[in-house]
Amino acid sequence: MIHIVFNEPDVAVLQKAIALDETLSGDIVQIKDDFAVGPLENIYTAEGIENRKQWQRDVLAGSDYDGAVDSGEVDDPKTVGELIGRLDTDPEEIIWIWAAQNKHDVSGYYWLMSQLKDYQGRVFILYLNNLPFLNEKGNIFYPNWLSEIPAKEFLKAKKLAREITLSEFEVDPDEWLKICQDAKGVRLLEGGKKLIQQEYDFYDAELKKFVTPEWQKASKVIHHFLSKAKHTTGDMYLLWRLKSMIAMELFDVQGHVGKMKDFEIKLKPVSG
């Protein structure tokens, strides 16, 4: 059995769940890219993959992760190639895809399953969509992320595993193809598995609300956004959007515009 997750914290909690229930025993593989943001056109071709990498290089330029795109640490196409190799080598091997109700997991699900159609009957989905669980205090809650679920609750979650149907393998890749052909950069989860798309600047208006007339480090602006905004995304994407707005001269800035702790911003004074 191979477990697929889409977030690093999910690996640790699933490892704890496996320790509690040996029937879950298997390798845990993480798909590391965030397909909820960025270009997707021709995403399964060498050209499309390189276009996406170049966009990621631009986003991460000057940040703590500058150079990460070419480090080899994230290579999801290679990971999928290895998964397919294992399925071909061992006809008894199966895959469980774990996804919570968030745009990151659902986007990753579409990207991954669209490459596994030849293995229908051996690919299972555990989609924790609007399902209640108990937290550490015994209270009912609805998790947005797998890592929010206590390990012992995964023993209940495993009962949700079901085959991805032949119909889903026909319909979902078509839906994903439409998304990939739309040249927008932000994907949001509307409900179920339905993704809607917005422009690259979708977060800008809300992010700008956390810039004040007083100097603040970019890291503080981003932290406030992540803790209060309804729709959020990764901090590196938000840093890139702040830099984009700085380039449009929307804010005053001091310091080196690189890492989020290296510079401060504030609203421009009202003239008049």
Protein backbone atom coordinates (compact mmCIF):
# COMPACT_ATOMS: atom_id res chain seq x y z
CA MET A 1 0.00 0.00 0.00
CA ILE A 2 1.20 3.47 -0.89
CA HIS A 3 -0.33 6.47 0.91
CA ILE A 4 -0.30 9.81 -0.95
CA VAL A 5 -0.57 13.11 0.92
CA PHE A 6 -0.09 16.71 -0.23
CA ASN A 7 1.32 18.47 2.85
CA GLU A 8 4.41 17.80 4.94
CA PRO A 9 2.55 17.87 8.31
CA ASP A 10 0.23 15.14 6.99
CA VAL A 11 3.16 12.73 6.77
CA ALA A 12 3.83 12.82 10.52
CA VAL A 13 0.22 12.35 11.62
CA LEU A 14 -0.28 9.47 9.17
CA GLN A 15 2.88 7.83 10.48
CA LYS A 16 1.37 7.98 13.98
CA ALA A 17 -1.87 6.47 12.67
CA ILE A 18 0.04 3.59 11.05
CA ALA A 19 1.76 2.94 14.38
CA LEU A 20 -1.71 2.52 15.92
CA ASP A 21 -3.09 0.27 13.19
CA GLU A 22 -0.84 -2.07 11.24
CA THR A 23 -3.53 -2.60 8.58
CA LEU A 24 -2.59 0.89 7.37
CA SER A 25 1.04 -0.10 6.94
CA GLY A 26 2.59 1.25 3.77
CA ASP A 27 4.90 3.86 2.36
CA ILE A 28 3.90 7.52 2.63
CA VAL A 29 4.64 9.67 -0.42
CA GLN A 30 4.13 13.44 -0.49
CA ILE A 31 3.24 15.42 -3.61
CA LYS A 32 5.05 18.66 -2.78
CA ASP A 33 4.00 21.30 -5.31
CA ASP A 34 1.01 23.54 -4.64
CA PHE A 35 -1.13 23.27 -7.77
CA ALA A 36 -3.67 25.69 -6.30
CA VAL A 37 -1.50 28.55 -7.56
CA GLY A 38 0.55 29.22 -10.64
CA PRO A 39 0.44 28.31 -14.33
CA LEU A 40 -0.87 24.90 -15.40
CA GLU A 41 -0.98 25.10 -19.18
CA ASN A 42 0.53 21.95 -20.78
CA ILE A 43 1.44 20.83 -17.26
CA TYR A 44 2.25 17.26 -18.35
CA THR A 45 4.70 18.31 -21.08
CA ALA A 46 8.35 19.29 -20.70
CA GLU A 47 7.51 22.80 -21.90
CA GLY A 48 4.65 23.23 -19.44
CA ILE A 49 6.70 21.87 -16.56
CA GLU A 50 9.55 24.27 -17.36
CA ASN A 51 7.16 27.23 -17.68
CA ARG A 52 5.82 26.47 -14.22
CA LYS A 53 9.35 26.14 -12.82
CA GLN A 54 10.30 29.51 -14.30
CA TRP A 55 7.28 31.11 -12.65
CA GLN A 56 8.29 29.51 -9.34
CA ARG A 57 11.82 30.85 -9.74
CA ASP A 58 10.36 34.32 -10.18
CA VAL A 59 8.13 33.94 -7.12
CA LEU A 60 10.95 32.71 -4.89
CA ALA A 61 13.64 35.10 -6.15
CA GLY A 62 15.35 36.82 -3.24
CA SER A 63 13.39 34.86 -0.61
CA ASP A 64 14.58 32.24 1.86
CA TYR A 65 13.79 29.65 -0.83
CA ASP A 66 15.68 31.27 -3.69
CA GLY A 67 17.21 28.42 -5.69
CA ALA A 68 14.89 25.77 -4.28
CA VAL A 69 13.25 25.12 -7.67
CA ASP A 70 16.50 23.74 -9.07
CA SER A 71 17.64 21.89 -5.94
CA GLY A 72 15.81 18.69 -6.90
CA GLU A 73 13.97 18.66 -3.58
CA VAL A 74 10.62 19.01 -5.34
CA ASP A 75 10.20 16.82 -8.41
CA ASP A 76 6.62 15.60 -8.49
CA PRO A 77 6.73 14.30 -12.10
CA LYS A 78 9.64 12.06 -11.02
CA THR A 79 7.63 10.95 -7.98
CA VAL A 80 4.68 9.96 -10.17
CA GLY A 81 7.01 8.09 -12.52
CA GLU A 82 8.28 6.10 -9.56
CA LEU A 83 4.70 5.40 -8.39
CA ILE A 84 3.75 4.12 -11.83
CA GLY A 85 6.89 1.98 -11.88
CA ARG A 86 5.86 0.35 -8.61
CA LEU A 87 2.33 -0.28 -9.88
CA ASP A 88 3.71 -1.88 -13.04
CA THR A 89 6.22 -4.01 -11.13
CA ASP A 90 3.80 -5.26 -8.47
CA PRO A 91 0.25 -6.00 -9.71
CA GLU A 92 -0.92 -6.24 -6.07
CA GLU A 93 0.22 -2.71 -5.19
CA ILE A 94 -2.49 -0.14 -4.49
CA ILE A 95 -2.54 3.61 -3.86
CA TRP A 96 -4.56 5.50 -1.26
CA ILE A 97 -4.88 9.22 -1.96
CA TRP A 98 -5.67 11.21 1.19
CA ALA A 99 -7.29 14.62 0.68
CA ALA A 100 -9.00 17.08 3.00
CA GLN A 101 -11.46 19.75 1.91
CA ASN A 102 -9.08 22.47 0.83
CA LYS A 103 -7.96 23.84 -2.53
CA HIS A 104 -4.41 22.60 -2.11
CA ASP A 105 -5.34 18.93 -1.63
CA VAL A 106 -8.08 18.95 -4.27
CA SER A 107 -5.81 20.57 -6.87
CA GLY A 108 -3.15 17.98 -6.08
CA TYR A 109 -5.72 15.19 -6.38
CA TYR A 110 -6.73 16.32 -9.88
CA TRP A 111 -3.10 16.67 -10.99
CA LEU A 112 -2.19 13.22 -9.69
CA MET A 113 -5.21 11.10 -10.57
CA SER A 114 -5.26 12.37 -14.15
CA GLN A 115 -2.02 10.40 -14.62
CA LEU A 116 -3.28 7.14 -13.09
CA LYS A 117 -6.25 6.25 -15.29
CA ASP A 118 -4.58 3.03 -16.47
CA TYR A 119 -4.69 1.76 -12.89
CA GLN A 120 -8.41 2.10 -12.18
CA GLY A 121 -9.37 -0.39 -9.50
CA ARG A 122 -6.04 0.03 -7.72
CA VAL A 123 -6.30 3.74 -6.85
CA PHE A 124 -8.41 4.72 -3.86
CA ILE A 125 -9.51 8.10 -2.55
CA LEU A 126 -10.13 9.13 1.05
CA TYR A 127 -11.73 12.55 0.68
CA LEU A 128 -12.62 14.01 4.07
CA ASN A 129 -15.32 16.28 2.69
CA ASN A 130 -17.50 17.91 5.38
CA LEU A 131 -16.96 14.98 7.74
CA PRO A 132 -16.91 15.46 11.52
CA PHE A 133 -14.05 14.25 13.69
CA LEU A 134 -13.16 14.50 17.37
CA ASN A 135 -10.31 16.74 18.42
CA GLU A 136 -7.92 16.04 21.30
CA LYS A 137 -10.47 17.46 23.76
CA GLY A 138 -13.25 15.23 22.46
CA ASN A 139 -15.12 18.02 20.70
CA ILE A 140 -16.57 17.61 17.22
CA PHE A 141 -14.90 19.65 14.47
CA TYR A 142 -14.65 19.69 10.69
CA PRO A 143 -11.00 19.60 9.60
CA ASN A 144 -9.71 21.62 6.68
CA TRP A 145 -6.39 19.78 6.73
CA LEU A 146 -5.45 16.16 7.43
CA SER A 147 -2.83 17.26 9.95
CA GLU A 148 -5.61 18.69 12.16
CA ILE A 149 -7.01 15.20 12.76
CA PRO A 150 -5.66 13.28 15.78
CA ALA A 151 -3.89 10.08 14.75
CA LYS A 152 -6.45 7.85 16.49
CA GLU A 153 -9.22 9.43 14.39
CA PHE A 154 -7.49 8.19 11.23
CA LEU A 155 -8.62 4.71 12.23
CA LYS A 156 -12.16 5.93 11.56
CA ALA A 157 -11.12 7.78 8.44
CA LYS A 158 -9.69 4.64 6.82
CA LYS A 159 -13.23 3.28 6.48
CA LEU A 160 -13.87 6.02 3.92
CA ALA A 161 -11.42 4.56 1.41
CA ARG A 162 -13.10 3.78 -1.91
CA GLU A 163 -11.98 3.10 -5.43
CA ILE A 164 -11.83 6.04 -7.78
CA THR A 165 -14.51 4.97 -10.24
CA LEU A 166 -14.12 4.56 -13.98
CA SER A 167 -16.58 7.43 -14.38
CA GLU A 168 -14.42 9.69 -12.19
CA PHE A 169 -11.37 8.74 -14.21
CA GLU A 170 -13.23 9.94 -17.28
CA VAL A 171 -14.85 13.10 -15.88
CA ASP A 172 -12.25 14.48 -13.44
CA PRO A 173 -9.31 14.65 -15.90
CA ASP A 174 -11.55 16.50 -18.36
CA GLU A 175 -12.46 18.99 -15.63
CA TRP A 176 -8.78 19.37 -14.75
CA LEU A 177 -7.88 19.92 -18.42
CA LYS A 178 -10.33 22.83 -18.57
CA ILE A 179 -8.74 24.32 -15.47
CA CYS A 180 -5.25 23.90 -16.94
CA GLN A 181 -6.22 25.60 -20.19
CA ASP A 182 -7.55 28.67 -18.36
CA ALA A 183 -4.63 31.05 -17.94
CA LYS A 184 -5.50 32.09 -14.40
CA GLY A 185 -3.21 31.71 -11.43
CA VAL A 186 -5.36 31.12 -8.34
CA ARG A 187 -7.70 28.22 -7.63
CA LEU A 188 -10.29 28.17 -4.86
CA LEU A 189 -12.45 25.32 -3.61
CA GLU A 190 -16.12 26.18 -4.03
CA GLY A 191 -17.42 22.94 -2.53
CA GLY A 192 -17.10 19.21 -3.04
CA LYS A 193 -14.36 18.87 -5.65
CA LYS A 194 -15.37 21.98 -7.59
CA LEU A 195 -12.53 24.41 -8.16
CA ILE A 196 -13.04 27.95 -9.40
CA GLN A 197 -10.29 30.20 -10.69
CA GLN A 198 -9.21 33.77 -10.12
CA GLU A 199 -6.48 36.04 -11.47
CA TYR A 200 -2.96 36.09 -10.02
CA ASP A 201 -3.77 39.31 -8.12
CA PHE A 202 -6.77 37.76 -6.33
CA TYR A 203 -5.22 38.15 -2.87
CA ASP A 204 -3.90 41.68 -3.43
CA ALA A 205 -6.91 43.71 -2.28
CA GLU A 206 -7.23 41.80 0.98
CA LEU A 207 -3.47 41.74 1.55
CA LYS A 208 -3.30 45.50 1.08
CA LYS A 209 -5.76 45.95 4.00
CA PHE A 210 -3.05 44.77 6.39
CA VAL A 211 -0.57 47.43 5.25
CA THR A 212 -0.89 50.41 7.60
CA PRO A 213 0.33 54.05 7.64
CA GLU A 214 3.05 52.86 10.05
CA TRP A 215 6.16 50.91 9.08
CA GLN A 216 5.79 47.15 9.37
CA LYS A 217 8.03 44.32 8.32
CA ALA A 218 6.62 42.41 5.35
CA SER A 219 6.64 39.29 7.53
CA LYS A 220 4.22 40.95 9.97
CA VAL A 221 1.84 42.00 7.19
CA ILE A 222 1.81 38.46 5.83
CA HIS A 223 1.33 36.95 9.29
CA HIS A 224 -1.69 39.18 9.95
CA PHE A 225 -3.17 38.25 6.58
CA LEU A 226 -2.73 34.52 7.20
CA SER A 227 -4.32 34.74 10.65
CA LYS A 228 -7.33 36.85 9.65
CA ALA A 229 -8.17 36.54 5.94
CA LYS A 230 -10.90 34.19 4.74
CA HIS A 231 -8.95 32.98 1.71
CA THR A 232 -5.27 32.32 2.28
CA THR A 233 -2.34 30.84 0.42
CA GLY A 234 1.36 30.18 0.98
CA ASP A 235 3.53 32.88 2.50
CA MET A 236 5.92 32.87 -0.47
CA TYR A 237 3.07 33.62 -2.85
CA LEU A 238 1.97 36.50 -0.61
CA LEU A 239 5.52 37.82 -0.43
CA TRP A 240 5.63 37.78 -4.23
CA ARG A 241 2.35 39.69 -4.39
CA LEU A 242 3.67 42.30 -1.93
CA LYS A 243 6.76 42.71 -4.10
CA SER A 244 4.53 43.05 -7.16
CA MET A 245 2.57 45.85 -5.49
CA ILE A 246 5.82 47.51 -4.41
CA ALA A 247 6.96 47.41 -8.04
CA MET A 248 3.73 49.25 -8.90
CA GLU A 249 4.74 51.86 -6.28
CA LEU A 250 1.65 51.26 -4.16
CA PHE A 251 3.60 51.40 -0.88
CA ASP A 252 6.56 53.16 0.65
CA VAL A 253 9.38 50.74 1.36
CA GLN A 254 12.63 50.72 3.30
CA GLY A 255 15.28 48.02 3.45
CA HIS A 256 16.25 45.40 0.90
CA VAL A 257 13.22 43.95 -0.86
CA GLY A 258 14.19 40.30 -0.60
CA LYS A 259 13.38 38.10 2.36
CA MET A 260 10.21 39.06 4.20
CA LYS A 261 12.08 40.12 7.33
CA ASP A 262 14.53 42.28 5.39
CA PHE A 263 12.24 45.16 4.51
CA GLU A 264 9.38 47.26 5.84
CA ILE A 265 6.42 48.79 4.08
CA LYS A 266 3.68 51.30 4.81
CA LEU A 267 0.90 53.05 2.95
CA LYS A 268 1.88 56.09 0.98
CA PRO A 269 0.75 59.32 2.67
CA VAL A 270 -2.41 60.82 1.26
CA SER A 271 -1.46 63.81 -0.85
CA GLY A 272 -3.45 67.01 -0.80
